[in-house]
């Protein structure tokens, strides 16, 4: 998006969305035309973990999200220190979620 478009953009955050949704796992899939991000909440002792939220992005917006997230992680680590990746048993360190999920 160009700067002129962003300066005129008014974003509305509804109260029910402002509370946010907690997720401790993400599954990412893609096709030639879109990226699909499923955010899941896994609870101990609960056999089913429903998708809490699904976000579908075109490839350009997925890359913009990737770059924005990388920039914000860098700023966070400069302020609070490096984020450790704890490779818990059965979890793939490249994604949040059990090994084999993608």
PDB file of N, CA and C in Angstrom:
ATOM      1  N   UNK A   1       0.834  -1.180   0.000  1.00  0.00           N
ATOM      2  CA  UNK A   1       0.000   0.000   0.000  1.00  0.00           C
ATOM      3  C   UNK A   1       0.873   1.236   0.000  1.00  0.00           C
ATOM      4  N   UNK A   2       0.488   2.207  -0.760  1.00  0.00           N
ATOM      5  CA  UNK A   2       1.236   3.456  -0.803  1.00  0.00           C
ATOM      6  C   UNK A   2       0.957   4.298   0.419  1.00  0.00           C
ATOM      7  N   UNK A   3       1.841   5.232   0.675  1.00  0.00           N
ATOM      8  CA  UNK A   3       1.715   6.090   1.846  1.00  0.00           C
ATOM      9  C   UNK A   3       0.433   6.916   1.810  1.00  0.00           C
ATOM     10  N   UNK A   4       0.077   7.413   0.618  1.00  0.00           N
ATOM     11  CA  UNK A   4      -1.120   8.242   0.512  1.00  0.00           C
ATOM     12  C   UNK A   4      -2.377   7.446   0.862  1.00  0.00           C
ATOM     13  N   UNK A   5      -2.421   6.166   0.509  1.00  0.00           N
ATOM     14  CA  UNK A   5      -3.579   5.333   0.847  1.00  0.00           C
ATOM     15  C   UNK A   5      -3.626   5.111   2.355  1.00  0.00           C
ATOM     16  N   UNK A   6      -2.477   4.818   2.960  1.00  0.00           N
ATOM     17  CA  UNK A   6      -2.439   4.561   4.392  1.00  0.00           C
ATOM     18  C   UNK A   6      -2.831   5.789   5.203  1.00  0.00           C
ATOM     19  N   UNK A   7      -2.454   6.979   4.765  1.00  0.00           N
ATOM     20  CA  UNK A   7      -2.763   8.179   5.536  1.00  0.00           C
ATOM     21  C   UNK A   7      -4.264   8.449   5.587  1.00  0.00           C
ATOM     22  N   UNK A   8      -5.022   7.938   4.604  1.00  0.00           N
ATOM     23  CA  UNK A   8      -6.471   8.124   4.584  1.00  0.00           C
ATOM     24  C   UNK A   8      -7.223   6.942   5.177  1.00  0.00           C
ATOM     25  N   UNK A   9      -6.517   5.903   5.552  1.00  0.00           N
ATOM     26  CA  UNK A   9      -7.140   4.693   6.055  1.00  0.00           C
ATOM     27  C   UNK A   9      -7.550   4.868   7.515  1.00  0.00           C
ATOM     28  N   UNK A  10      -8.811   4.597   7.790  1.00  0.00           N
ATOM     29  CA  UNK A  10      -9.300   4.639   9.164  1.00  0.00           C
ATOM     30  C   UNK A  10      -9.619   3.208   9.573  1.00  0.00           C
ATOM     31  N   UNK A  11      -8.998   2.754  10.636  1.00  0.00           N
ATOM     32  CA  UNK A  11      -9.173   1.387  11.103  1.00  0.00           C
ATOM     33  C   UNK A  11     -10.105   1.389  12.300  1.00  0.00           C
ATOM     34  N   UNK A  12     -11.079   0.511  12.268  1.00  0.00           N
ATOM     35  CA  UNK A  12     -12.040   0.395  13.362  1.00  0.00           C
ATOM     36  C   UNK A  12     -11.809  -0.937  14.064  1.00  0.00           C
ATOM     37  N   UNK A  13     -11.646  -0.908  15.363  1.00  0.00           N
ATOM     38  CA  UNK A  13     -11.433  -2.109  16.167  1.00  0.00           C
ATOM     39  C   UNK A  13     -12.641  -2.314  17.065  1.00  0.00           C
ATOM     40  N   UNK A  14     -13.457  -3.315  16.719  1.00  0.00           N
ATOM     41  CA  UNK A  14     -14.647  -3.608  17.512  1.00  0.00           C
ATOM     42  C   UNK A  14     -14.250  -4.216  18.852  1.00  0.00           C
ATOM     43  N   UNK A  15     -15.054  -3.959  19.859  1.00  0.00           N
ATOM     44  CA  UNK A  15     -14.757  -4.396  21.226  1.00  0.00           C
ATOM     45  C   UNK A  15     -14.523  -5.904  21.323  1.00  0.00           C
ATOM     46  N   UNK A  16     -15.351  -6.697  20.645  1.00  0.00           N
ATOM     47  CA  UNK A  16     -15.206  -8.153  20.741  1.00  0.00           C
ATOM     48  C   UNK A  16     -13.925  -8.648  20.067  1.00  0.00           C
ATOM     49  N   UNK A  17     -13.410  -7.915  19.109  1.00  0.00           N
ATOM     50  CA  UNK A  17     -12.158  -8.278  18.449  1.00  0.00           C
ATOM     51  C   UNK A  17     -10.966  -7.766  19.259  1.00  0.00           C
ATOM     52  N   UNK A  18     -11.128  -6.636  19.916  1.00  0.00           N
ATOM     53  CA  UNK A  18     -10.046  -6.006  20.674  1.00  0.00           C
ATOM     54  C   UNK A  18      -9.534  -6.894  21.804  1.00  0.00           C
ATOM     55  N   UNK A  19     -10.384  -7.776  22.311  1.00  0.00           N
ATOM     56  CA  UNK A  19      -9.961  -8.683  23.380  1.00  0.00           C
ATOM     57  C   UNK A  19      -8.923  -9.685  22.900  1.00  0.00           C
ATOM     58  N   UNK A  20      -8.885  -9.958  21.608  1.00  0.00           N
ATOM     59  CA  UNK A  20      -7.903 -10.881  21.048  1.00  0.00           C
ATOM     60  C   UNK A  20      -8.286 -12.332  21.265  1.00  0.00           C
ATOM     61  N   UNK A  21      -7.535 -13.201  20.633  1.00  0.00           N
ATOM     62  CA  UNK A  21      -7.714 -14.643  20.747  1.00  0.00           C
ATOM     63  C   UNK A  21      -6.363 -15.260  21.034  1.00  0.00           C
ATOM     64  N   UNK A  22      -6.278 -16.074  22.082  1.00  0.00           N
ATOM     65  CA  UNK A  22      -5.019 -16.724  22.433  1.00  0.00           C
ATOM     66  C   UNK A  22      -4.818 -17.969  21.582  1.00  0.00           C
ATOM     67  N   UNK A  23      -3.629 -18.123  21.019  1.00  0.00           N
ATOM     68  CA  UNK A  23      -3.257 -19.318  20.276  1.00  0.00           C
ATOM     69  C   UNK A  23      -1.827 -19.678  20.654  1.00  0.00           C
ATOM     70  N   UNK A  24      -1.561 -20.970  20.797  1.00  0.00           N
ATOM     71  CA  UNK A  24      -0.204 -21.411  21.111  1.00  0.00           C
ATOM     72  C   UNK A  24       0.334 -22.371  20.045  1.00  0.00           C
ATOM     73  N   UNK A  25      -0.321 -22.357  18.882  1.00  0.00           N
ATOM     74  CA  UNK A  25       0.141 -23.154  17.750  1.00  0.00           C
ATOM     75  C   UNK A  25      -0.359 -22.505  16.470  1.00  0.00           C
ATOM     76  N   UNK A  26       0.452 -22.565  15.425  1.00  0.00           N
ATOM     77  CA  UNK A  26       0.027 -22.061  14.127  1.00  0.00           C
ATOM     78  C   UNK A  26       0.392 -23.085  13.064  1.00  0.00           C
ATOM     79  N   UNK A  27      -0.495 -23.267  12.129  1.00  0.00           N
ATOM     80  CA  UNK A  27      -0.243 -24.126  10.979  1.00  0.00           C
ATOM     81  C   UNK A  27      -0.337 -23.237   9.747  1.00  0.00           C
ATOM     82  N   UNK A  28       0.671 -23.316   8.895  1.00  0.00           N
ATOM     83  CA  UNK A  28       0.712 -22.481   7.705  1.00  0.00           C
ATOM     84  C   UNK A  28       0.711 -23.369   6.472  1.00  0.00           C
ATOM     85  N   UNK A  29      -0.184 -23.069   5.552  1.00  0.00           N
ATOM     86  CA  UNK A  29      -0.251 -23.775   4.275  1.00  0.00           C
ATOM     87  C   UNK A  29      -0.304 -22.728   3.172  1.00  0.00           C
ATOM     88  N   UNK A  30       0.013 -23.144   1.956  1.00  0.00           N
ATOM     89  CA  UNK A  30      -0.055 -22.191   0.846  1.00  0.00           C
ATOM     90  C   UNK A  30      -0.366 -22.896  -0.465  1.00  0.00           C
ATOM     91  N   UNK A  31      -0.905 -22.117  -1.374  1.00  0.00           N
ATOM     92  CA  UNK A  31      -1.109 -22.533  -2.759  1.00  0.00           C
ATOM     93  C   UNK A  31      -0.397 -21.486  -3.608  1.00  0.00           C
ATOM     94  N   UNK A  32      -0.568 -21.542  -4.905  1.00  0.00           N
ATOM     95  CA  UNK A  32       0.090 -20.553  -5.749  1.00  0.00           C
ATOM     96  C   UNK A  32      -0.501 -19.155  -5.578  1.00  0.00           C
ATOM     97  N   UNK A  33      -1.706 -19.071  -5.013  1.00  0.00           N
ATOM     98  CA  UNK A  33      -2.377 -17.772  -4.940  1.00  0.00           C
ATOM     99  C   UNK A  33      -2.641 -17.263  -3.530  1.00  0.00           C
ATOM    100  N   UNK A  34      -2.378 -18.080  -2.497  1.00  0.00           N
ATOM    101  CA  UNK A  34      -2.684 -17.616  -1.142  1.00  0.00           C
ATOM    102  C   UNK A  34      -1.898 -18.375  -0.080  1.00  0.00           C
ATOM    103  N   UNK A  35      -1.759 -17.722   1.069  1.00  0.00           N
ATOM    104  CA  UNK A  35      -1.205 -18.336   2.270  1.00  0.00           C
ATOM    105  C   UNK A  35      -2.336 -18.441   3.279  1.00  0.00           C
ATOM    106  N   UNK A  36      -2.431 -19.566   3.959  1.00  0.00           N
ATOM    107  CA  UNK A  36      -3.475 -19.786   4.953  1.00  0.00           C
ATOM    108  C   UNK A  36      -2.794 -19.995   6.297  1.00  0.00           C
ATOM    109  N   UNK A  37      -3.130 -19.162   7.270  1.00  0.00           N
ATOM    110  CA  UNK A  37      -2.582 -19.260   8.613  1.00  0.00           C
ATOM    111  C   UNK A  37      -3.712 -19.659   9.553  1.00  0.00           C
ATOM    112  N   UNK A  38      -3.599 -20.846  10.152  1.00  0.00           N
ATOM    113  CA  UNK A  38      -4.564 -21.308  11.137  1.00  0.00           C
ATOM    114  C   UNK A  38      -3.923 -21.186  12.512  1.00  0.00           C
ATOM    115  N   UNK A  39      -4.609 -20.501  13.427  1.00  0.00           N
ATOM    116  CA  UNK A  39      -4.137 -20.319  14.789  1.00  0.00           C
ATOM    117  C   UNK A  39      -4.977 -21.204  15.704  1.00  0.00           C
ATOM    118  N   UNK A  40      -4.294 -22.029  16.506  1.00  0.00           N
ATOM    119  CA  UNK A  40      -4.941 -23.056  17.308  1.00  0.00           C
ATOM    120  C   UNK A  40      -4.540 -22.891  18.768  1.00  0.00           C
ATOM    121  N   UNK A  41      -5.444 -23.259  19.652  1.00  0.00           N
ATOM    122  CA  UNK A  41      -5.151 -23.273  21.086  1.00  0.00           C
ATOM    123  C   UNK A  41      -5.159 -24.723  21.558  1.00  0.00           C
ATOM    124  N   UNK A  42      -3.984 -25.211  21.973  1.00  0.00           N
ATOM    125  CA  UNK A  42      -3.864 -26.572  22.496  1.00  0.00           C
ATOM    126  C   UNK A  42      -3.948 -26.497  24.012  1.00  0.00           C
ATOM    127  N   UNK A  43      -4.807 -27.319  24.587  1.00  0.00           N
ATOM    128  CA  UNK A  43      -4.959 -27.361  26.040  1.00  0.00           C
ATOM    129  C   UNK A  43      -4.578 -28.752  26.536  1.00  0.00           C
ATOM    130  N   UNK A  44      -3.815 -28.840  27.610  1.00  0.00           N
ATOM    131  CA  UNK A  44      -3.428 -30.147  28.142  1.00  0.00           C
ATOM    132  C   UNK A  44      -4.656 -30.990  28.493  1.00  0.00           C
ATOM    133  N   UNK A  45      -4.605 -32.260  28.111  1.00  0.00           N
ATOM    134  CA  UNK A  45      -5.674 -33.184  28.455  1.00  0.00           C
ATOM    135  C   UNK A  45      -6.926 -33.066  27.597  1.00  0.00           C
ATOM    136  N   UNK A  46      -6.922 -32.164  26.635  1.00  0.00           N
ATOM    137  CA  UNK A  46      -8.082 -31.992  25.758  1.00  0.00           C
ATOM    138  C   UNK A  46      -7.724 -32.608  24.411  1.00  0.00           C
ATOM    139  N   UNK A  47      -8.464 -33.627  23.973  1.00  0.00           N
ATOM    140  CA  UNK A  47      -8.081 -34.350  22.757  1.00  0.00           C
ATOM    141  C   UNK A  47      -8.264 -33.572  21.453  1.00  0.00           C
ATOM    142  N   UNK A  48      -9.188 -32.629  21.408  1.00  0.00           N
ATOM    143  CA  UNK A  48      -9.405 -31.840  20.202  1.00  0.00           C
ATOM    144  C   UNK A  48      -8.967 -30.401  20.433  1.00  0.00           C
ATOM    145  N   UNK A  49      -8.308 -29.841  19.423  1.00  0.00           N
ATOM    146  CA  UNK A  49      -7.855 -28.451  19.503  1.00  0.00           C
ATOM    147  C   UNK A  49      -8.445 -27.690  18.327  1.00  0.00           C
ATOM    148  N   UNK A  50      -9.481 -26.901  18.569  1.00  0.00           N
ATOM    149  CA  UNK A  50     -10.126 -26.203  17.463  1.00  0.00           C
ATOM    150  C   UNK A  50      -9.291 -25.030  16.956  1.00  0.00           C
ATOM    151  N   UNK A  51      -9.449 -24.747  15.673  1.00  0.00           N
ATOM    152  CA  UNK A  51      -8.835 -23.549  15.087  1.00  0.00           C
ATOM    153  C   UNK A  51      -9.549 -22.353  15.690  1.00  0.00           C
ATOM    154  N   UNK A  52      -8.792 -21.438  16.272  1.00  0.00           N
ATOM    155  CA  UNK A  52      -9.346 -20.237  16.894  1.00  0.00           C
ATOM    156  C   UNK A  52      -9.582 -19.142  15.863  1.00  0.00           C
ATOM    157  N   UNK A  53      -8.692 -19.115  14.859  1.00  0.00           N
ATOM    158  CA  UNK A  53      -8.784 -18.068  13.845  1.00  0.00           C
ATOM    159  C   UNK A  53      -8.058 -18.533  12.594  1.00  0.00           C
ATOM    160  N   UNK A  54      -8.590 -18.168  11.439  1.00  0.00           N
ATOM    161  CA  UNK A  54      -7.934 -18.455  10.157  1.00  0.00           C
ATOM    162  C   UNK A  54      -7.767 -17.137   9.417  1.00  0.00           C
ATOM    163  N   UNK A  55      -6.545 -16.903   8.928  1.00  0.00           N
ATOM    164  CA  UNK A  55      -6.252 -15.707   8.155  1.00  0.00           C
ATOM    165  C   UNK A  55      -5.738 -16.159   6.794  1.00  0.00           C
ATOM    166  N   UNK A  56      -6.328 -15.626   5.743  1.00  0.00           N
ATOM    167  CA  UNK A  56      -5.937 -15.967   4.377  1.00  0.00           C
ATOM    168  C   UNK A  56      -5.350 -14.710   3.730  1.00  0.00           C
ATOM    169  N   UNK A  57      -4.139 -14.847   3.192  1.00  0.00           N
ATOM    170  CA  UNK A  57      -3.420 -13.715   2.613  1.00  0.00           C
ATOM    171  C   UNK A  57      -2.963 -14.031   1.198  1.00  0.00           C
ATOM    172  N   UNK A  58      -2.925 -13.008   0.348  1.00  0.00           N
ATOM    173  CA  UNK A  58      -2.281 -13.168  -0.953  1.00  0.00           C
ATOM    174  C   UNK A  58      -0.771 -13.178  -0.695  1.00  0.00           C
ATOM    175  N   UNK A  59       0.021 -13.779  -1.589  1.00  0.00           N
ATOM    176  CA  UNK A  59       1.467 -13.896  -1.341  1.00  0.00           C
ATOM    177  C   UNK A  59       2.163 -12.580  -1.004  1.00  0.00           C
ATOM    178  N   UNK A  60       1.825 -11.488  -1.687  1.00  0.00           N
ATOM    179  CA  UNK A  60       2.475 -10.206  -1.392  1.00  0.00           C
ATOM    180  C   UNK A  60       2.217  -9.776   0.042  1.00  0.00           C
ATOM    181  N   UNK A  61       0.990  -9.926   0.505  1.00  0.00           N
ATOM    182  CA  UNK A  61       0.677  -9.528   1.881  1.00  0.00           C
ATOM    183  C   UNK A  61       1.307 -10.470   2.890  1.00  0.00           C
ATOM    184  N   UNK A  62       1.447 -11.751   2.537  1.00  0.00           N
ATOM    185  CA  UNK A  62       2.136 -12.695   3.416  1.00  0.00           C
ATOM    186  C   UNK A  62       3.593 -12.267   3.597  1.00  0.00           C
ATOM    187  N   UNK A  63       4.227 -11.850   2.519  1.00  0.00           N
ATOM    188  CA  UNK A  63       5.620 -11.407   2.623  1.00  0.00           C
ATOM    189  C   UNK A  63       5.722 -10.110   3.424  1.00  0.00           C
ATOM    190  N   UNK A  64       4.770  -9.209   3.229  1.00  0.00           N
ATOM    191  CA  UNK A  64       4.771  -7.971   4.024  1.00  0.00           C
ATOM    192  C   UNK A  64       4.600  -8.287   5.513  1.00  0.00           C
ATOM    193  N   UNK A  65       3.743  -9.253   5.838  1.00  0.00           N
ATOM    194  CA  UNK A  65       3.567  -9.687   7.231  1.00  0.00           C
ATOM    195  C   UNK A  65       4.866 -10.268   7.775  1.00  0.00           C
ATOM    196  N   UNK A  66       5.520 -11.114   6.985  1.00  0.00           N
ATOM    197  CA  UNK A  66       6.796 -11.714   7.368  1.00  0.00           C
ATOM    198  C   UNK A  66       7.835 -10.633   7.691  1.00  0.00           C
ATOM    199  N   UNK A  67       7.959  -9.634   6.821  1.00  0.00           N
ATOM    200  CA  UNK A  67       8.937  -8.564   7.028  1.00  0.00           C
ATOM    201  C   UNK A  67       8.582  -7.716   8.245  1.00  0.00           C
ATOM    202  N   UNK A  68       7.293  -7.414   8.421  1.00  0.00           N
ATOM    203  CA  UNK A  68       6.860  -6.615   9.574  1.00  0.00           C
ATOM    204  C   UNK A  68       7.083  -7.378  10.877  1.00  0.00           C
ATOM    205  N   UNK A  69       6.814  -8.676  10.855  1.00  0.00           N
ATOM    206  CA  UNK A  69       7.020  -9.496  12.053  1.00  0.00           C
ATOM    207  C   UNK A  69       8.508  -9.577  12.386  1.00  0.00           C
ATOM    208  N   UNK A  70       9.357  -9.775  11.374  1.00  0.00           N
ATOM    209  CA  UNK A  70      10.805  -9.818  11.600  1.00  0.00           C
ATOM    210  C   UNK A  70      11.307  -8.505  12.195  1.00  0.00           C
ATOM    211  N   UNK A  71      10.821  -7.393  11.680  1.00  0.00           N
ATOM    212  CA  UNK A  71      11.222  -6.081  12.195  1.00  0.00           C
ATOM    213  C   UNK A  71      10.788  -5.916  13.656  1.00  0.00           C
ATOM    214  N   UNK A  72       9.587  -6.339  13.970  1.00  0.00           N
ATOM    215  CA  UNK A  72       9.084  -6.195  15.335  1.00  0.00           C
ATOM    216  C   UNK A  72       9.768  -7.147  16.306  1.00  0.00           C
ATOM    217  N   UNK A  73      10.128  -8.338  15.852  1.00  0.00           N
ATOM    218  CA  UNK A  73      10.888  -9.258  16.711  1.00  0.00           C
ATOM    219  C   UNK A  73      12.260  -8.660  17.007  1.00  0.00           C
ATOM    220  N   UNK A  74      12.881  -8.077  16.003  1.00  0.00           N
ATOM    221  CA  UNK A  74      14.183  -7.437  16.207  1.00  0.00           C
ATOM    222  C   UNK A  74      14.073  -6.308  17.243  1.00  0.00           C
ATOM    223  N   UNK A  75      13.051  -5.477  17.133  1.00  0.00           N
ATOM    224  CA  UNK A  75      12.854  -4.385  18.096  1.00  0.00           C
ATOM    225  C   UNK A  75      12.581  -4.936  19.494  1.00  0.00           C
ATOM    226  N   UNK A  76      11.773  -5.978  19.583  1.00  0.00           N
ATOM    227  CA  UNK A  76      11.465  -6.605  20.876  1.00  0.00           C
ATOM    228  C   UNK A  76      12.750  -7.115  21.525  1.00  0.00           C
ATOM    229  N   UNK A  77      13.572  -7.840  20.744  1.00  0.00           N
ATOM    230  CA  UNK A  77      14.796  -8.418  21.298  1.00  0.00           C
ATOM    231  C   UNK A  77      15.801  -7.345  21.692  1.00  0.00           C
ATOM    232  N   UNK A  78      15.814  -6.214  21.009  1.00  0.00           N
ATOM    233  CA  UNK A  78      16.697  -5.113  21.400  1.00  0.00           C
ATOM    234  C   UNK A  78      16.265  -4.561  22.755  1.00  0.00           C
ATOM    235  N   UNK A  79      14.965  -4.569  23.020  1.00  0.00           N
ATOM    236  CA  UNK A  79      14.446  -4.010  24.267  1.00  0.00           C
ATOM    237  C   UNK A  79      14.449  -5.025  25.416  1.00  0.00           C
ATOM    238  N   UNK A  80      14.086  -6.281  25.127  1.00  0.00           N
ATOM    239  CA  UNK A  80      13.881  -7.263  26.189  1.00  0.00           C
ATOM    240  C   UNK A  80      14.841  -8.444  26.170  1.00  0.00           C
ATOM    241  N   UNK A  81      15.679  -8.544  25.162  1.00  0.00           N
ATOM    242  CA  UNK A  81      16.602  -9.667  25.054  1.00  0.00           C
ATOM    243  C   UNK A  81      16.093 -10.717  24.076  1.00  0.00           C
ATOM    244  N   UNK A  82      17.008 -11.614  23.716  1.00  0.00           N
ATOM    245  CA  UNK A  82      16.698 -12.615  22.703  1.00  0.00           C
ATOM    246  C   UNK A  82      15.577 -13.547  23.146  1.00  0.00           C
ATOM    247  N   UNK A  83      14.716 -13.853  22.209  1.00  0.00           N
ATOM    248  CA  UNK A  83      13.635 -14.806  22.442  1.00  0.00           C
ATOM    249  C   UNK A  83      14.214 -16.195  22.235  1.00  0.00           C
ATOM    250  N   UNK A  84      14.145 -17.023  23.262  1.00  0.00           N
ATOM    251  CA  UNK A  84      14.667 -18.377  23.157  1.00  0.00           C
ATOM    252  C   UNK A  84      13.667 -19.299  22.477  1.00  0.00           C
ATOM    253  N   UNK A  85      14.172 -20.215  21.685  1.00  0.00           N
ATOM    254  CA  UNK A  85      13.330 -21.236  21.068  1.00  0.00           C
ATOM    255  C   UNK A  85      13.558 -22.534  21.824  1.00  0.00           C
ATOM    256  N   UNK A  86      12.616 -22.882  22.654  1.00  0.00           N
ATOM    257  CA  UNK A  86      12.706 -24.100  23.449  1.00  0.00           C
ATOM    258  C   UNK A  86      12.100 -25.224  22.643  1.00  0.00           C
ATOM    259  N   UNK A  87      12.928 -26.143  22.193  1.00  0.00           N
ATOM    260  CA  UNK A  87      12.447 -27.234  21.369  1.00  0.00           C
ATOM    261  C   UNK A  87      11.900 -28.339  22.269  1.00  0.00           C
ATOM    262  N   UNK A  88      10.636 -28.172  22.652  1.00  0.00           N
ATOM    263  CA  UNK A  88       9.981 -29.172  23.490  1.00  0.00           C
ATOM    264  C   UNK A  88       9.838 -30.466  22.720  1.00  0.00           C
ATOM    265  N   UNK A  89       9.839 -31.572  23.412  1.00  0.00           N
ATOM    266  CA  UNK A  89       9.728 -32.885  22.779  1.00  0.00           C
ATOM    267  C   UNK A  89       8.505 -32.934  21.875  1.00  0.00           C
ATOM    268  N   UNK A  90       8.720 -33.362  20.631  1.00  0.00           N
ATOM    269  CA  UNK A  90       7.617 -33.508  19.694  1.00  0.00           C
ATOM    270  C   UNK A  90       7.266 -32.251  18.937  1.00  0.00           C
ATOM    271  N   UNK A  91       7.980 -31.149  19.189  1.00  0.00           N
ATOM    272  CA  UNK A  91       7.669 -29.908  18.501  1.00  0.00           C
ATOM    273  C   UNK A  91       8.768 -29.556  17.518  1.00  0.00           C
ATOM    274  N   UNK A  92       8.368 -29.084  16.363  1.00  0.00           N
ATOM    275  CA  UNK A  92       9.275 -28.665  15.314  1.00  0.00           C
ATOM    276  C   UNK A  92       9.619 -27.203  15.575  1.00  0.00           C
ATOM    277  N   UNK A  93      10.901 -26.863  15.641  1.00  0.00           N
ATOM    278  CA  UNK A  93      11.300 -25.488  15.969  1.00  0.00           C
ATOM    279  C   UNK A  93      11.033 -24.508  14.832  1.00  0.00           C
ATOM    280  N   UNK A  94      10.761 -24.987  13.611  1.00  0.00           N
ATOM    281  CA  UNK A  94      10.504 -24.085  12.491  1.00  0.00           C
ATOM    282  C   UNK A  94       9.088 -23.526  12.520  1.00  0.00           C
ATOM    283  N   UNK A  95       8.169 -24.207  13.158  1.00  0.00           N
ATOM    284  CA  UNK A  95       6.788 -23.746  13.253  1.00  0.00           C
ATOM    285  C   UNK A  95       6.310 -23.966  14.668  1.00  0.00           C
ATOM    286  N   UNK A  96       5.215 -23.314  15.025  1.00  0.00           N
ATOM    287  CA  UNK A  96       4.617 -23.574  16.329  1.00  0.00           C
ATOM    288  C   UNK A  96       3.660 -24.731  16.103  1.00  0.00           C
ATOM    289  N   UNK A  97       3.967 -25.869  16.658  1.00  0.00           N
ATOM    290  CA  UNK A  97       3.047 -26.990  16.503  1.00  0.00           C
ATOM    291  C   UNK A  97       3.794 -28.292  16.440  1.00  0.00           C
ATOM    292  N   UNK A  98       3.072 -29.399  16.566  1.00  0.00           N
ATOM    293  CA  UNK A  98       3.702 -30.718  16.532  1.00  0.00           C
ATOM    294  C   UNK A  98       4.443 -30.950  15.216  1.00  0.00           C
ATOM    295  N   UNK A  99       5.539 -31.696  15.278  1.00  0.00           N
ATOM    296  CA  UNK A  99       6.306 -32.011  14.082  1.00  0.00           C
ATOM    297  C   UNK A  99       5.399 -32.652  13.038  1.00  0.00           C
ATOM    298  N   UNK A 100       5.605 -32.273  11.793  1.00  0.00           N
ATOM    299  CA  UNK A 100       4.805 -32.827  10.712  1.00  0.00           C
ATOM    300  C   UNK A 100       3.613 -31.961  10.338  1.00  0.00           C
ATOM    301  N   UNK A 101       3.260 -31.014  11.167  1.00  0.00           N
ATOM    302  CA  UNK A 101       2.157 -30.095  10.856  1.00  0.00           C
ATOM    303  C   UNK A 101       2.711 -28.964  10.006  1.00  0.00           C
ATOM    304  N   UNK A 102       2.092 -28.674   8.919  1.00  0.00           N
ATOM    305  CA  UNK A 102       2.490 -27.520   8.107  1.00  0.00           C
ATOM    306  C   UNK A 102       1.442 -27.243   7.065  1.00  0.00           C
TER     307      UNK A 102
END
